[in-house]
Amino acid sequence: MMAVFTPYMLRTEPTWQAAAWLVMLTATVTGLATPIRAELLFRGLERDSRSAVAET
């Protein structure tokens, strides 16, 4: 939803509010991407440890 309103915010709001909006947008994207990336890394580690146990 924030990405949809970003062009409107950048056109209509003062510079400091647009900058604050971009900071919030970046924080939101980072906050969503971090747990997803962590989950993918943990799955990869689980897969590697299971295959190492199966080989021995």
C-alpha atoms as a PDB file:
ATOM      1  CA  MET A   1       0.000   0.000   0.000  1.00  0.00           C
ATOM      2  CA  MET A   2       2.858   2.367   0.787  1.00  0.00           C
ATOM      3  CA  ALA A   3       4.378   1.767  -2.634  1.00  0.00           C
ATOM      4  CA  VAL A   4       1.078   2.766  -4.256  1.00  0.00           C
ATOM      5  CA  PHE A   5       0.986   6.094  -2.417  1.00  0.00           C
ATOM      6  CA  THR A   6       4.691   6.913  -2.837  1.00  0.00           C
ATOM      7  CA  PRO A   7       4.361   8.815  -6.155  1.00  0.00           C
ATOM      8  CA  TYR A   8       1.534  10.900  -4.675  1.00  0.00           C
ATOM      9  CA  MET A   9       3.563  11.637  -1.548  1.00  0.00           C
ATOM     10  CA  LEU A  10       6.623  12.679  -3.544  1.00  0.00           C
ATOM     11  CA  ARG A  11       4.557  15.076  -5.711  1.00  0.00           C
ATOM     12  CA  THR A  12       2.373  16.705  -3.103  1.00  0.00           C
ATOM     13  CA  GLU A  13       4.271  16.796   0.195  1.00  0.00           C
ATOM     14  CA  PRO A  14       7.166  19.025   1.284  1.00  0.00           C
ATOM     15  CA  THR A  15      10.660  17.617   0.871  1.00  0.00           C
ATOM     16  CA  TRP A  16      11.146  16.710   4.532  1.00  0.00           C
ATOM     17  CA  GLN A  17       7.877  14.758   4.626  1.00  0.00           C
ATOM     18  CA  ALA A  18       8.718  12.977   1.378  1.00  0.00           C
ATOM     19  CA  ALA A  19      12.130  12.049   2.807  1.00  0.00           C
ATOM     20  CA  ALA A  20      10.479  10.745   5.978  1.00  0.00           C
ATOM     21  CA  TRP A  21       8.059   8.730   3.838  1.00  0.00           C
ATOM     22  CA  LEU A  22      10.946   7.160   1.913  1.00  0.00           C
ATOM     23  CA  VAL A  23      12.697   6.280   5.182  1.00  0.00           C
ATOM     24  CA  MET A  24       9.514   4.584   6.432  1.00  0.00           C
ATOM     25  CA  LEU A  25       9.120   2.767   3.115  1.00  0.00           C
ATOM     26  CA  THR A  26      12.719   1.522   3.283  1.00  0.00           C
ATOM     27  CA  ALA A  27      12.271   0.396   6.889  1.00  0.00           C
ATOM     28  CA  THR A  28       9.072  -1.446   5.980  1.00  0.00           C
ATOM     29  CA  VAL A  29      10.692  -3.268   3.066  1.00  0.00           C
ATOM     30  CA  THR A  30      13.712  -4.158   5.205  1.00  0.00           C
ATOM     31  CA  GLY A  31      11.468  -5.312   8.033  1.00  0.00           C
ATOM     32  CA  LEU A  32       9.603  -7.619   5.682  1.00  0.00           C
ATOM     33  CA  ALA A  33      12.627  -8.896   3.794  1.00  0.00           C
ATOM     34  CA  THR A  34      14.762  -9.741   6.831  1.00  0.00           C
ATOM     35  CA  PRO A  35      12.589 -12.528   8.296  1.00  0.00           C
ATOM     36  CA  ILE A  36      11.953 -13.952   4.822  1.00  0.00           C
ATOM     37  CA  ARG A  37      15.673 -14.077   4.106  1.00  0.00           C
ATOM     38  CA  ALA A  38      16.376 -15.593   7.522  1.00  0.00           C
ATOM     39  CA  GLU A  39      13.775 -18.298   6.913  1.00  0.00           C
ATOM     40  CA  LEU A  40      15.329 -19.169   3.562  1.00  0.00           C
ATOM     41  CA  LEU A  41      18.790 -19.373   5.141  1.00  0.00           C
ATOM     42  CA  PHE A  42      17.524 -21.627   7.954  1.00  0.00           C
ATOM     43  CA  ARG A  43      15.826 -23.931   5.448  1.00  0.00           C
ATOM     44  CA  GLY A  44      19.073 -24.173   3.504  1.00  0.00           C
ATOM     45  CA  LEU A  45      21.003 -25.026   6.671  1.00  0.00           C
ATOM     46  CA  GLU A  46      18.442 -27.690   7.605  1.00  0.00           C
ATOM     47  CA  ARG A  47      18.648 -29.203   4.144  1.00  0.00           C
ATOM     48  CA  ASP A  48      22.467 -29.249   4.273  1.00  0.00           C
ATOM     49  CA  SER A  49      22.551 -30.857   7.722  1.00  0.00           C
ATOM     50  CA  ARG A  50      20.034 -33.544   6.711  1.00  0.00           C
ATOM     51  CA  SER A  51      21.998 -34.419   3.576  1.00  0.00           C
ATOM     52  CA  ALA A  52      25.267 -34.560   5.558  1.00  0.00           C
ATOM     53  CA  VAL A  53      23.697 -36.980   8.069  1.00  0.00           C
ATOM     54  CA  ALA A  54      22.298 -39.148   5.267  1.00  0.00           C
ATOM     55  CA  GLU A  55      25.731 -39.441   3.629  1.00  0.00           C
ATOM     56  CA  THR A  56      27.449 -40.786   6.740  1.00  0.00           C
END
